[in-house]
Amino acid sequence: VLPTIGALTPGYLLLMPRRCVPSFAALSEKERKRAGDLAEKLRGLLATHYGPTIIAEHGVGDDGSPSAACCSHAHWHFVPVSG
């Protein structure tokens, strides 16, 4: 879990697996479950302090080619939003 330089909004975080994979779909079932459990804990914590939080993955396409100038290491964006 990382805060970022130039965060989009207060509370913005990234979640990245330690193992370098192009997307969370490339993780094992056990790793995906662990990531999902952590993501829901983070969403709850962020909601307490910053409000509802969107989780979004942005990365490479199915063929491994970069899309939208993004890095090829799996990462989820946590973006708190206010109503």
PDB file of N, CA and C in Angstrom:
ATOM      1  N   VAL A   1       0.864  -1.173   0.000  1.00  0.00           N
ATOM      2  CA  VAL A   1       0.000   0.000   0.000  1.00  0.00           C
ATOM      3  C   VAL A   1       0.903   1.225   0.000  1.00  0.00           C
ATOM      4  N   LEU A   2       0.669   2.133  -0.957  1.00  0.00           N
ATOM      5  CA  LEU A   2       1.530   3.300  -1.112  1.00  0.00           C
ATOM      6  C   LEU A   2       0.727   4.586  -1.243  1.00  0.00           C
ATOM      7  N   PRO A   3       1.147   5.636  -0.519  1.00  0.00           N
ATOM      8  CA  PRO A   3       0.628   6.956  -0.879  1.00  0.00           C
ATOM      9  C   PRO A   3       1.375   7.384  -2.141  1.00  0.00           C
ATOM     10  N   THR A   4       0.875   8.352  -2.857  1.00  0.00           N
ATOM     11  CA  THR A   4       1.548   8.748  -4.092  1.00  0.00           C
ATOM     12  C   THR A   4       1.906  10.226  -4.095  1.00  0.00           C
ATOM     13  N   ILE A   5       2.901  10.569  -4.883  1.00  0.00           N
ATOM     14  CA  ILE A   5       3.248  11.969  -5.099  1.00  0.00           C
ATOM     15  C   ILE A   5       2.214  12.530  -6.069  1.00  0.00           C
ATOM     16  N   GLY A   6       1.679  13.675  -5.794  1.00  0.00           N
ATOM     17  CA  GLY A   6       0.687  14.274  -6.671  1.00  0.00           C
ATOM     18  C   GLY A   6      -0.639  13.536  -6.632  1.00  0.00           C
ATOM     19  N   ALA A   7      -1.039  13.092  -5.437  1.00  0.00           N
ATOM     20  CA  ALA A   7      -2.282  12.330  -5.289  1.00  0.00           C
ATOM     21  C   ALA A   7      -3.465  13.077  -5.899  1.00  0.00           C
ATOM     22  N   LEU A   8      -4.387  12.320  -6.474  1.00  0.00           N
ATOM     23  CA  LEU A   8      -5.569  12.897  -7.100  1.00  0.00           C
ATOM     24  C   LEU A   8      -6.472  13.611  -6.099  1.00  0.00           C
ATOM     25  N   THR A   9      -6.513  13.104  -4.869  1.00  0.00           N
ATOM     26  CA  THR A   9      -7.387  13.640  -3.837  1.00  0.00           C
ATOM     27  C   THR A   9      -6.840  13.201  -2.481  1.00  0.00           C
ATOM     28  N   PRO A  10      -7.160  13.889  -1.386  1.00  0.00           N
ATOM     29  CA  PRO A  10      -6.692  13.429  -0.071  1.00  0.00           C
ATOM     30  C   PRO A  10      -7.132  11.989   0.193  1.00  0.00           C
ATOM     31  N   GLY A  11      -6.222  11.170   0.708  1.00  0.00           N
ATOM     32  CA  GLY A  11      -6.507   9.785   1.003  1.00  0.00           C
ATOM     33  C   GLY A  11      -6.222   8.819  -0.139  1.00  0.00           C
ATOM     34  N   TYR A  12      -5.866   9.339  -1.309  1.00  0.00           N
ATOM     35  CA  TYR A  12      -5.594   8.497  -2.484  1.00  0.00           C
ATOM     36  C   TYR A  12      -4.424   7.562  -2.205  1.00  0.00           C
ATOM     37  N   LEU A  13      -4.601   6.277  -2.521  1.00  0.00           N
ATOM     38  CA  LEU A  13      -3.562   5.273  -2.316  1.00  0.00           C
ATOM     39  C   LEU A  13      -3.481   4.341  -3.514  1.00  0.00           C
ATOM     40  N   LEU A  14      -2.369   3.622  -3.603  1.00  0.00           N
ATOM     41  CA  LEU A  14      -2.219   2.526  -4.553  1.00  0.00           C
ATOM     42  C   LEU A  14      -1.972   1.246  -3.767  1.00  0.00           C
ATOM     43  N   LEU A  15      -2.518   0.145  -4.248  1.00  0.00           N
ATOM     44  CA  LEU A  15      -2.227  -1.173  -3.697  1.00  0.00           C
ATOM     45  C   LEU A  15      -1.575  -1.974  -4.812  1.00  0.00           C
ATOM     46  N   MET A  16      -0.355  -2.481  -4.543  1.00  0.00           N
ATOM     47  CA  MET A  16       0.381  -3.262  -5.543  1.00  0.00           C
ATOM     48  C   MET A  16       0.851  -4.565  -4.910  1.00  0.00           C
ATOM     49  N   PRO A  17       0.766  -5.674  -5.625  1.00  0.00           N
ATOM     50  CA  PRO A  17       1.319  -6.923  -5.093  1.00  0.00           C
ATOM     51  C   PRO A  17       2.843  -6.862  -5.088  1.00  0.00           C
ATOM     52  N   ARG A  18       3.442  -7.599  -4.181  1.00  0.00           N
ATOM     53  CA  ARG A  18       4.910  -7.640  -4.127  1.00  0.00           C
ATOM     54  C   ARG A  18       5.479  -8.329  -5.357  1.00  0.00           C
ATOM     55  N   ARG A  19       4.769  -9.343  -5.828  1.00  0.00           N
ATOM     56  CA  ARG A  19       5.213 -10.069  -7.020  1.00  0.00           C
ATOM     57  C   ARG A  19       4.825  -9.253  -8.251  1.00  0.00           C
ATOM     58  N   CYS A  20       5.768  -9.119  -9.173  1.00  0.00           N
ATOM     59  CA  CYS A  20       5.521  -8.321 -10.367  1.00  0.00           C
ATOM     60  C   CYS A  20       4.669  -9.110 -11.365  1.00  0.00           C
ATOM     61  N   VAL A  21       3.426  -8.682 -11.523  1.00  0.00           N
ATOM     62  CA  VAL A  21       2.498  -9.284 -12.486  1.00  0.00           C
ATOM     63  C   VAL A  21       1.814  -8.147 -13.239  1.00  0.00           C
ATOM     64  N   PRO A  22       1.330  -8.397 -14.454  1.00  0.00           N
ATOM     65  CA  PRO A  22       0.720  -7.322 -15.240  1.00  0.00           C
ATOM     66  C   PRO A  22      -0.659  -6.890 -14.764  1.00  0.00           C
ATOM     67  N   SER A  23      -1.376  -7.776 -14.042  1.00  0.00           N
ATOM     68  CA  SER A  23      -2.706  -7.433 -13.541  1.00  0.00           C
ATOM     69  C   SER A  23      -3.041  -8.353 -12.371  1.00  0.00           C
ATOM     70  N   PHE A  24      -4.049  -7.975 -11.598  1.00  0.00           N
ATOM     71  CA  PHE A  24      -4.449  -8.815 -10.473  1.00  0.00           C
ATOM     72  C   PHE A  24      -5.000 -10.158 -10.955  1.00  0.00           C
ATOM     73  N   ALA A  25      -5.497 -10.223 -12.179  1.00  0.00           N
ATOM     74  CA  ALA A  25      -5.993 -11.477 -12.742  1.00  0.00           C
ATOM     75  C   ALA A  25      -4.866 -12.505 -12.889  1.00  0.00           C
ATOM     76  N   ALA A  26      -3.626 -12.045 -12.956  1.00  0.00           N
ATOM     77  CA  ALA A  26      -2.481 -12.941 -13.112  1.00  0.00           C
ATOM     78  C   ALA A  26      -2.021 -13.547 -11.784  1.00  0.00           C
ATOM     79  N   LEU A  27      -2.593 -13.102 -10.677  1.00  0.00           N
ATOM     80  CA  LEU A  27      -2.246 -13.649  -9.367  1.00  0.00           C
ATOM     81  C   LEU A  27      -2.933 -14.990  -9.163  1.00  0.00           C
ATOM     82  N   SER A  28      -2.411 -15.769  -8.232  1.00  0.00           N
ATOM     83  CA  SER A  28      -3.071 -17.025  -7.879  1.00  0.00           C
ATOM     84  C   SER A  28      -4.382 -16.702  -7.153  1.00  0.00           C
ATOM     85  N   GLU A  29      -5.249 -17.688  -7.066  1.00  0.00           N
ATOM     86  CA  GLU A  29      -6.530 -17.485  -6.374  1.00  0.00           C
ATOM     87  C   GLU A  29      -6.301 -17.036  -4.929  1.00  0.00           C
ATOM     88  N   LYS A  30      -5.331 -17.645  -4.260  1.00  0.00           N
ATOM     89  CA  LYS A  30      -5.011 -17.293  -2.872  1.00  0.00           C
ATOM     90  C   LYS A  30      -4.523 -15.841  -2.789  1.00  0.00           C
ATOM     91  N   GLU A  31      -3.666 -15.431  -3.717  1.00  0.00           N
ATOM     92  CA  GLU A  31      -3.152 -14.055  -3.727  1.00  0.00           C
ATOM     93  C   GLU A  31      -4.268 -13.046  -4.016  1.00  0.00           C
ATOM     94  N   ARG A  32      -5.165 -13.391  -4.960  1.00  0.00           N
ATOM     95  CA  ARG A  32      -6.289 -12.488  -5.273  1.00  0.00           C
ATOM     96  C   ARG A  32      -7.204 -12.324  -4.067  1.00  0.00           C
ATOM     97  N   LYS A  33      -7.462 -13.416  -3.350  1.00  0.00           N
ATOM     98  CA  LYS A  33      -8.313 -13.335  -2.156  1.00  0.00           C
ATOM     99  C   LYS A  33      -7.653 -12.447  -1.112  1.00  0.00           C
ATOM    100  N   ARG A  34      -6.374 -12.636  -0.903  1.00  0.00           N
ATOM    101  CA  ARG A  34      -5.644 -11.811   0.076  1.00  0.00           C
ATOM    102  C   ARG A  34      -5.693 -10.333  -0.315  1.00  0.00           C
ATOM    103  N   ALA A  35      -5.483 -10.055  -1.596  1.00  0.00           N
ATOM    104  CA  ALA A  35      -5.545  -8.671  -2.079  1.00  0.00           C
ATOM    105  C   ALA A  35      -6.954  -8.104  -1.911  1.00  0.00           C
ATOM    106  N   GLY A  36      -7.958  -8.900  -2.244  1.00  0.00           N
ATOM    107  CA  GLY A  36      -9.340  -8.442  -2.101  1.00  0.00           C
ATOM    108  C   GLY A  36      -9.714  -8.157  -0.661  1.00  0.00           C
ATOM    109  N   ASP A  37      -9.285  -9.020   0.252  1.00  0.00           N
ATOM    110  CA  ASP A  37      -9.548  -8.800   1.682  1.00  0.00           C
ATOM    111  C   ASP A  37      -8.885  -7.516   2.164  1.00  0.00           C
ATOM    112  N   LEU A  38      -7.621  -7.314   1.766  1.00  0.00           N
ATOM    113  CA  LEU A  38      -6.907  -6.095   2.139  1.00  0.00           C
ATOM    114  C   LEU A  38      -7.581  -4.872   1.533  1.00  0.00           C
ATOM    115  N   ALA A  39      -8.020  -4.977   0.285  1.00  0.00           N
ATOM    116  CA  ALA A  39      -8.681  -3.862  -0.387  1.00  0.00           C
ATOM    117  C   ALA A  39      -9.940  -3.440   0.368  1.00  0.00           C
ATOM    118  N   GLU A  40     -10.721  -4.395   0.825  1.00  0.00           N
ATOM    119  CA  GLU A  40     -11.948  -4.057   1.556  1.00  0.00           C
ATOM    120  C   GLU A  40     -11.638  -3.422   2.910  1.00  0.00           C
ATOM    121  N   LYS A  41     -10.572  -3.870   3.574  1.00  0.00           N
ATOM    122  CA  LYS A  41     -10.148  -3.231   4.833  1.00  0.00           C
ATOM    123  C   LYS A  41      -9.731  -1.784   4.569  1.00  0.00           C
ATOM    124  N   LEU A  42      -8.939  -1.581   3.508  1.00  0.00           N
ATOM    125  CA  LEU A  42      -8.499  -0.230   3.161  1.00  0.00           C
ATOM    126  C   LEU A  42      -9.681   0.666   2.807  1.00  0.00           C
ATOM    127  N   ARG A  43     -10.631   0.123   2.040  1.00  0.00           N
ATOM    128  CA  ARG A  43     -11.811   0.902   1.664  1.00  0.00           C
ATOM    129  C   ARG A  43     -12.549   1.362   2.931  1.00  0.00           C
ATOM    130  N   GLY A  44     -12.690   0.479   3.897  1.00  0.00           N
ATOM    131  CA  GLY A  44     -13.354   0.831   5.149  1.00  0.00           C
ATOM    132  C   GLY A  44     -12.610   1.910   5.919  1.00  0.00           C
ATOM    133  N   LEU A  45     -11.295   1.775   6.011  1.00  0.00           N
ATOM    134  CA  LEU A  45     -10.488   2.782   6.705  1.00  0.00           C
ATOM    135  C   LEU A  45     -10.565   4.138   6.015  1.00  0.00           C
ATOM    136  N   LEU A  46     -10.441   4.126   4.699  1.00  0.00           N
ATOM    137  CA  LEU A  46     -10.518   5.380   3.953  1.00  0.00           C
ATOM    138  C   LEU A  46     -11.895   6.019   4.089  1.00  0.00           C
ATOM    139  N   ALA A  47     -12.945   5.202   4.067  1.00  0.00           N
ATOM    140  CA  ALA A  47     -14.303   5.729   4.204  1.00  0.00           C
ATOM    141  C   ALA A  47     -14.486   6.425   5.551  1.00  0.00           C
ATOM    142  N   THR A  48     -13.880   5.881   6.590  1.00  0.00           N
ATOM    143  CA  THR A  48     -13.970   6.488   7.925  1.00  0.00           C
ATOM    144  C   THR A  48     -13.377   7.882   7.936  1.00  0.00           C
ATOM    145  N   HIS A  49     -12.282   8.068   7.216  1.00  0.00           N
ATOM    146  CA  HIS A  49     -11.558   9.342   7.250  1.00  0.00           C
ATOM    147  C   HIS A  49     -11.859  10.277   6.078  1.00  0.00           C
ATOM    148  N   TYR A  50     -12.190   9.702   4.908  1.00  0.00           N
ATOM    149  CA  TYR A  50     -12.313  10.536   3.703  1.00  0.00           C
ATOM    150  C   TYR A  50     -13.640  10.393   2.954  1.00  0.00           C
ATOM    151  N   GLY A  51     -14.445   9.421   3.311  1.00  0.00           N
ATOM    152  CA  GLY A  51     -15.709   9.198   2.617  1.00  0.00           C
ATOM    153  C   GLY A  51     -15.651   7.989   1.707  1.00  0.00           C
ATOM    154  N   PRO A  52     -16.729   7.739   0.951  1.00  0.00           N
ATOM    155  CA  PRO A  52     -16.779   6.571   0.064  1.00  0.00           C
ATOM    156  C   PRO A  52     -15.563   6.524  -0.859  1.00  0.00           C
ATOM    157  N   THR A  53     -15.115   5.309  -1.153  1.00  0.00           N
ATOM    158  CA  THR A  53     -13.886   5.136  -1.923  1.00  0.00           C
ATOM    159  C   THR A  53     -14.097   4.204  -3.104  1.00  0.00           C
ATOM    160  N   ILE A  54     -13.669   4.631  -4.268  1.00  0.00           N
ATOM    161  CA  ILE A  54     -13.702   3.827  -5.487  1.00  0.00           C
ATOM    162  C   ILE A  54     -12.384   3.064  -5.598  1.00  0.00           C
ATOM    163  N   ILE A  55     -12.466   1.809  -5.989  1.00  0.00           N
ATOM    164  CA  ILE A  55     -11.269   1.011  -6.275  1.00  0.00           C
ATOM    165  C   ILE A  55     -11.276   0.711  -7.770  1.00  0.00           C
ATOM    166  N   ALA A  56     -10.169   1.013  -8.436  1.00  0.00           N
ATOM    167  CA  ALA A  56     -10.104   0.790  -9.883  1.00  0.00           C
ATOM    168  C   ALA A  56      -8.730   0.247 -10.265  1.00  0.00           C
ATOM    169  N   GLU A  57      -8.729  -0.719 -11.164  1.00  0.00           N
ATOM    170  CA  GLU A  57      -7.469  -1.221 -11.715  1.00  0.00           C
ATOM    171  C   GLU A  57      -7.265  -0.578 -13.080  1.00  0.00           C
ATOM    172  N   HIS A  58      -6.032  -0.213 -13.360  1.00  0.00           N
ATOM    173  CA  HIS A  58      -5.701   0.410 -14.631  1.00  0.00           C
ATOM    174  C   HIS A  58      -4.341  -0.132 -15.023  1.00  0.00           C
ATOM    175  N   GLY A  59      -4.252  -0.759 -16.144  1.00  0.00           N
ATOM    176  CA  GLY A  59      -2.965  -1.326 -16.519  1.00  0.00           C
ATOM    177  C   GLY A  59      -2.938  -1.809 -17.938  1.00  0.00           C
ATOM    178  N   VAL A  60      -2.141  -2.858 -18.157  1.00  0.00           N
ATOM    179  CA  VAL A  60      -1.923  -3.368 -19.506  1.00  0.00           C
ATOM    180  C   VAL A  60      -3.126  -4.161 -19.994  1.00  0.00           C
ATOM    181  N   GLY A  61      -3.242  -4.297 -21.313  1.00  0.00           N
ATOM    182  CA  GLY A  61      -4.312  -5.079 -21.912  1.00  0.00           C
ATOM    183  C   GLY A  61      -4.032  -6.571 -21.834  1.00  0.00           C
ATOM    184  N   ASP A  62      -4.955  -7.374 -22.329  1.00  0.00           N
ATOM    185  CA  ASP A  62      -4.822  -8.829 -22.282  1.00  0.00           C
ATOM    186  C   ASP A  62      -3.584  -9.339 -22.990  1.00  0.00           C
ATOM    187  N   ASP A  63      -3.178  -8.662 -24.053  1.00  0.00           N
ATOM    188  CA  ASP A  63      -2.019  -9.128 -24.808  1.00  0.00           C
ATOM    189  C   ASP A  63      -0.695  -8.646 -24.217  1.00  0.00           C
ATOM    190  N   GLY A  64      -0.760  -7.938 -23.080  1.00  0.00           N
ATOM    191  CA  GLY A  64       0.444  -7.455 -22.433  1.00  0.00           C
ATOM    192  C   GLY A  64       0.937  -6.122 -22.941  1.00  0.00           C
ATOM    193  N   SER A  65       0.261  -5.564 -23.938  1.00  0.00           N
ATOM    194  CA  SER A  65       0.708  -4.274 -24.449  1.00  0.00           C
ATOM    195  C   SER A  65       0.211  -3.161 -23.533  1.00  0.00           C
ATOM    196  N   PRO A  66       1.043  -2.160 -23.285  1.00  0.00           N
ATOM    197  CA  PRO A  66       0.627  -1.071 -22.403  1.00  0.00           C
ATOM    198  C   PRO A  66      -0.583  -0.334 -22.976  1.00  0.00           C
ATOM    199  N   SER A  67      -1.458   0.082 -22.098  1.00  0.00           N
ATOM    200  CA  SER A  67      -2.606   0.883 -22.529  1.00  0.00           C
ATOM    201  C   SER A  67      -2.652   2.152 -21.698  1.00  0.00           C
ATOM    202  N   ALA A  68      -2.962   3.250 -22.310  1.00  0.00           N
ATOM    203  CA  ALA A  68      -3.126   4.541 -21.632  1.00  0.00           C
ATOM    204  C   ALA A  68      -1.892   4.951 -20.833  1.00  0.00           C
ATOM    205  N   ALA A  69      -0.720   4.645 -21.340  1.00  0.00           N
ATOM    206  CA  ALA A  69       0.542   5.085 -20.737  1.00  0.00           C
ATOM    207  C   ALA A  69       0.667   4.674 -19.276  1.00  0.00           C
ATOM    208  N   CYS A  70       0.266   3.469 -18.960  1.00  0.00           N
ATOM    209  CA  CYS A  70       0.294   2.994 -17.582  1.00  0.00           C
ATOM    210  C   CYS A  70       1.453   2.020 -17.395  1.00  0.00           C
ATOM    211  N   CYS A  71       1.869   1.826 -16.158  1.00  0.00           N
ATOM    212  CA  CYS A  71       2.950   0.876 -15.895  1.00  0.00           C
ATOM    213  C   CYS A  71       2.431  -0.550 -16.031  1.00  0.00           C
ATOM    214  N   SER A  72       3.324  -1.505 -16.222  1.00  0.00           N
ATOM    215  CA  SER A  72       2.915  -2.890 -16.440  1.00  0.00           C
ATOM    216  C   SER A  72       2.924  -3.714 -15.160  1.00  0.00           C
ATOM    217  N   HIS A  73       3.011  -3.084 -14.011  1.00  0.00           N
ATOM    218  CA  HIS A  73       2.932  -3.773 -12.719  1.00  0.00           C
ATOM    219  C   HIS A  73       1.518  -3.578 -12.178  1.00  0.00           C
ATOM    220  N   ALA A  74       0.868  -4.662 -11.775  1.00  0.00           N
ATOM    221  CA  ALA A  74      -0.504  -4.591 -11.271  1.00  0.00           C
ATOM    222  C   ALA A  74      -0.627  -3.563 -10.151  1.00  0.00           C
ATOM    223  N   HIS A  75      -1.697  -2.782 -10.197  1.00  0.00           N
ATOM    224  CA  HIS A  75      -1.979  -1.846  -9.108  1.00  0.00           C
ATOM    225  C   HIS A  75      -3.445  -1.452  -9.119  1.00  0.00           C
ATOM    226  N   TRP A  76      -3.988  -1.280  -7.920  1.00  0.00           N
ATOM    227  CA  TRP A  76      -5.356  -0.791  -7.751  1.00  0.00           C
ATOM    228  C   TRP A  76      -5.272   0.624  -7.206  1.00  0.00           C
ATOM    229  N   HIS A  77      -6.082   1.505  -7.740  1.00  0.00           N
ATOM    230  CA  HIS A  77      -6.194   2.876  -7.261  1.00  0.00           C
ATOM    231  C   HIS A  77      -7.329   2.934  -6.248  1.00  0.00           C
ATOM    232  N   PHE A  78      -7.104   3.584  -5.122  1.00  0.00           N
ATOM    233  CA  PHE A  78      -8.134   3.839  -4.111  1.00  0.00           C
ATOM    234  C   PHE A  78      -8.385   5.340  -4.124  1.00  0.00           C
ATOM    235  N   VAL A  79      -9.566   5.731  -4.584  1.00  0.00           N
ATOM    236  CA  VAL A  79      -9.876   7.147  -4.769  1.00  0.00           C
ATOM    237  C   VAL A  79     -11.084   7.518  -3.905  1.00  0.00           C
ATOM    238  N   PRO A  80     -10.838   8.183  -2.768  1.00  0.00           N
ATOM    239  CA  PRO A  80     -11.970   8.660  -1.965  1.00  0.00           C
ATOM    240  C   PRO A  80     -12.733   9.734  -2.739  1.00  0.00           C
ATOM    241  N   VAL A  81     -14.044   9.656  -2.669  1.00  0.00           N
ATOM    242  CA  VAL A  81     -14.907  10.637  -3.346  1.00  0.00           C
ATOM    243  C   VAL A  81     -15.911  11.183  -2.334  1.00  0.00           C
ATOM    244  N   SER A  82     -16.279  12.409  -2.489  1.00  0.00           N
ATOM    245  CA  SER A  82     -17.297  12.970  -1.609  1.00  0.00           C
ATOM    246  C   SER A  82     -18.590  13.100  -2.392  1.00  0.00           C
ATOM    247  N   GLY A  83     -19.697  12.891  -1.701  1.00  0.00           N
ATOM    248  CA  GLY A  83     -21.006  12.924  -2.341  1.00  0.00           C
ATOM    249  C   GLY A  83     -21.364  14.275  -2.772  1.00  0.00           C
TER     250      GLY A  83
END
